[in-house]
């Protein structure tokens, strides 16, 4: 999110070149760009199939004049209905979930809300913790995680 005169276009080109080795851009329907600006995460999507730019931001209101989005307003941009966060802490989880489920005809507000964020956060941690690329977990470690809520807080404190 730098001014074009300060952007390292060589690095941007290298990123796209590297990504296109894994999956050629010309066969993609959408490109996802999670963006961190002023300690806040939001998602910018280039929808190649429907030829549009999409901002999905759990804090942003279209009526607000935010610097990082104001310059893009004059272009063809879609601001889809989306769940809203009620704090300044959950933007990263919202952005990950937006990346996971957003498609042009998916109504995000029907998929999840702020009240779901604690469970979504746990789901993401479990996916990372138990991912096959992580070291093989011994049964004691796995049981500690899977049985965490089965134990009472007083039993946990005595350990």
Protein backbone atom coordinates (compact mmCIF):
# COMPACT_ATOMS: atom_id res chain seq x y z
CA UNK A 1 0.00 0.00 0.00
CA UNK A 2 2.79 2.38 -0.88
CA UNK A 3 2.77 5.25 -3.32
CA UNK A 4 3.70 3.92 -6.81
CA UNK A 5 6.95 5.90 -6.74
CA UNK A 6 8.00 3.96 -3.61
CA UNK A 7 6.83 0.50 -4.70
CA UNK A 8 9.45 -2.10 -5.51
CA UNK A 9 7.91 -3.30 -8.77
CA UNK A 10 10.71 -5.84 -9.23
CA UNK A 11 9.59 -7.57 -6.04
CA UNK A 12 5.93 -7.43 -7.15
CA UNK A 13 6.86 -8.97 -10.51
CA UNK A 14 8.93 -11.66 -8.78
CA UNK A 15 5.96 -12.52 -6.50
CA UNK A 16 3.61 -12.94 -9.45
CA UNK A 17 6.20 -14.91 -11.41
CA UNK A 18 6.75 -17.26 -8.48
CA UNK A 19 3.03 -17.69 -7.87
CA UNK A 20 2.39 -18.40 -11.55
CA UNK A 21 4.82 -21.33 -11.38
CA UNK A 22 2.49 -23.02 -8.91
CA UNK A 23 -0.68 -22.09 -10.83
CA UNK A 24 -0.64 -20.11 -14.08
CA UNK A 25 -2.53 -16.84 -13.65
CA UNK A 26 -4.33 -17.24 -16.96
CA UNK A 27 -6.27 -20.26 -15.60
CA UNK A 28 -7.33 -18.46 -12.40
CA UNK A 29 -10.80 -17.01 -11.90
CA UNK A 30 -9.75 -14.83 -8.97
CA UNK A 31 -6.64 -13.40 -7.33
CA UNK A 32 -6.76 -12.80 -3.56
CA UNK A 33 -4.68 -10.10 -1.90
CA UNK A 34 -4.89 -9.94 1.91
CA UNK A 35 -3.73 -6.43 2.80
CA UNK A 36 -2.43 -5.06 6.09
CA UNK A 37 -2.74 -1.29 6.36
CA UNK A 38 -2.43 0.72 9.55
CA UNK A 39 -2.56 -2.49 11.64
CA UNK A 40 -5.81 -3.61 9.98
CA UNK A 41 -6.30 -6.54 7.60
CA UNK A 42 -8.76 -6.51 4.70
CA UNK A 43 -9.12 -8.45 1.47
CA UNK A 44 -8.79 -7.18 -2.09
CA UNK A 45 -9.93 -9.55 -4.82
CA UNK A 46 -9.33 -9.26 -8.54
CA UNK A 47 -12.22 -11.20 -10.04
CA UNK A 48 -10.86 -12.03 -13.49
CA UNK A 49 -13.92 -14.02 -14.55
CA UNK A 50 -16.48 -11.29 -13.72
CA UNK A 51 -14.01 -8.47 -14.51
CA UNK A 52 -14.26 -6.57 -11.24
CA UNK A 53 -12.31 -5.46 -8.21
CA UNK A 54 -13.74 -6.36 -4.82
CA UNK A 55 -12.91 -5.01 -1.36
CA UNK A 56 -14.04 -7.10 1.59
CA UNK A 57 -13.34 -5.34 4.84
CA UNK A 58 -14.89 -6.20 8.20
CA UNK A 59 -14.59 -2.58 9.44
CA UNK A 60 -14.88 -0.42 6.34
CA UNK A 61 -18.08 1.42 5.44
CA UNK A 62 -18.58 2.58 1.85
CA UNK A 63 -19.62 6.00 3.11
CA UNK A 64 -16.36 6.49 5.05
CA UNK A 65 -13.42 8.15 3.38
CA UNK A 66 -10.58 5.75 4.22
CA UNK A 67 -7.24 6.68 2.61
CA UNK A 68 -6.33 3.16 1.55
CA UNK A 69 -9.62 2.64 -0.27
CA UNK A 70 -10.54 6.14 -1.39
CA UNK A 71 -8.23 6.12 -4.41
CA UNK A 72 -9.80 2.94 -5.75
CA UNK A 73 -13.40 4.15 -5.50
CA UNK A 74 -13.37 5.76 -8.92
CA UNK A 75 -12.77 2.34 -10.52
CA UNK A 76 -15.18 -0.53 -10.87
CA UNK A 77 -15.29 -1.82 -7.33
CA UNK A 78 -17.80 -4.02 -5.58
CA UNK A 79 -18.38 -3.81 -1.84
CA UNK A 80 -20.32 -6.98 -1.08
CA UNK A 81 -22.46 -7.38 2.02
CA UNK A 82 -20.26 -8.99 4.66
CA UNK A 83 -20.20 -9.76 8.37
CA UNK A 84 -18.93 -6.87 10.47
CA UNK A 85 -16.47 -7.12 13.32
CA UNK A 86 -17.32 -5.44 16.61
CA UNK A 87 -13.77 -4.96 17.85
CA UNK A 88 -10.32 -4.03 16.54
CA UNK A 89 -8.80 -7.51 17.09
CA UNK A 90 -10.51 -9.96 14.73
CA UNK A 91 -9.74 -8.46 11.30
CA UNK A 92 -7.18 -11.17 10.47
CA UNK A 93 -9.66 -13.98 11.15
CA UNK A 94 -12.33 -12.19 9.11
CA UNK A 95 -9.86 -11.76 6.23
CA UNK A 96 -8.85 -15.45 6.30
CA UNK A 97 -12.50 -16.51 6.30
CA UNK A 98 -13.32 -14.09 3.45
CA UNK A 99 -10.49 -15.65 1.42
CA UNK A 100 -11.76 -19.12 2.19
CA UNK A 101 -15.43 -18.71 1.25
CA UNK A 102 -15.97 -15.61 -0.89
CA UNK A 103 -17.19 -16.11 -4.43
CA UNK A 104 -19.19 -13.62 -6.52
CA UNK A 105 -22.52 -15.25 -5.72
CA UNK A 106 -21.87 -16.15 -2.06
CA UNK A 107 -23.66 -13.96 0.46
CA UNK A 108 -21.04 -13.67 3.21
CA UNK A 109 -23.54 -12.47 5.82
CA UNK A 110 -25.29 -15.85 5.57
CA UNK A 111 -22.03 -17.74 6.15
CA UNK A 112 -20.75 -16.43 9.50
CA UNK A 113 -20.88 -13.51 11.92
CA UNK A 114 -18.84 -11.97 14.74
CA UNK A 115 -20.27 -14.51 17.20
CA UNK A 116 -18.68 -17.32 15.14
CA UNK A 117 -15.16 -15.86 15.26
CA UNK A 118 -13.98 -17.64 18.45
CA UNK A 119 -14.90 -21.03 16.93
CA UNK A 120 -13.42 -20.10 13.55
CA UNK A 121 -10.19 -19.10 15.30
CA UNK A 122 -10.08 -22.53 17.02
CA UNK A 123 -10.76 -24.27 13.69
CA UNK A 124 -7.82 -22.46 12.08
CA UNK A 125 -5.51 -23.30 14.97
CA UNK A 126 -6.54 -26.97 14.79
CA UNK A 127 -5.99 -27.04 11.01
CA UNK A 128 -2.48 -25.65 11.52
CA UNK A 129 -1.67 -27.80 14.55
CA UNK A 130 -2.87 -31.06 13.01
CA UNK A 131 -1.77 -30.39 9.43
CA UNK A 132 0.11 -33.37 7.95
CA UNK A 133 3.15 -31.19 7.23
CA UNK A 134 3.66 -30.58 10.95
CA UNK A 135 5.69 -33.02 12.98
CA UNK A 136 3.92 -36.23 13.85
CA UNK A 137 2.01 -35.68 17.05
CA UNK A 138 2.22 -38.34 19.66
CA UNK A 139 -1.09 -39.58 21.04
CA UNK A 140 -0.58 -37.81 24.38
CA UNK A 141 -0.24 -34.40 22.70
CA UNK A 142 -3.19 -35.03 20.42
CA UNK A 143 -5.31 -36.19 23.35
CA UNK A 144 -4.41 -33.06 25.32
CA UNK A 145 -5.87 -30.93 22.52
CA UNK A 146 -8.88 -33.07 21.62
CA UNK A 147 -9.88 -33.60 25.28
CA UNK A 148 -9.21 -30.02 26.41
CA UNK A 149 -12.87 -29.12 26.98
CA UNK A 150 -13.68 -32.48 28.57
CA UNK A 151 -11.53 -31.65 31.59
CA UNK A 152 -12.80 -29.32 34.26
CA UNK A 153 -10.83 -26.09 34.92
CA UNK A 154 -10.00 -27.24 38.47
CA UNK A 155 -8.36 -30.44 37.18
CA UNK A 156 -6.34 -28.46 34.66
CA UNK A 157 -5.08 -26.06 37.32
CA UNK A 158 -3.76 -28.90 39.51
CA UNK A 159 -1.32 -30.08 36.80
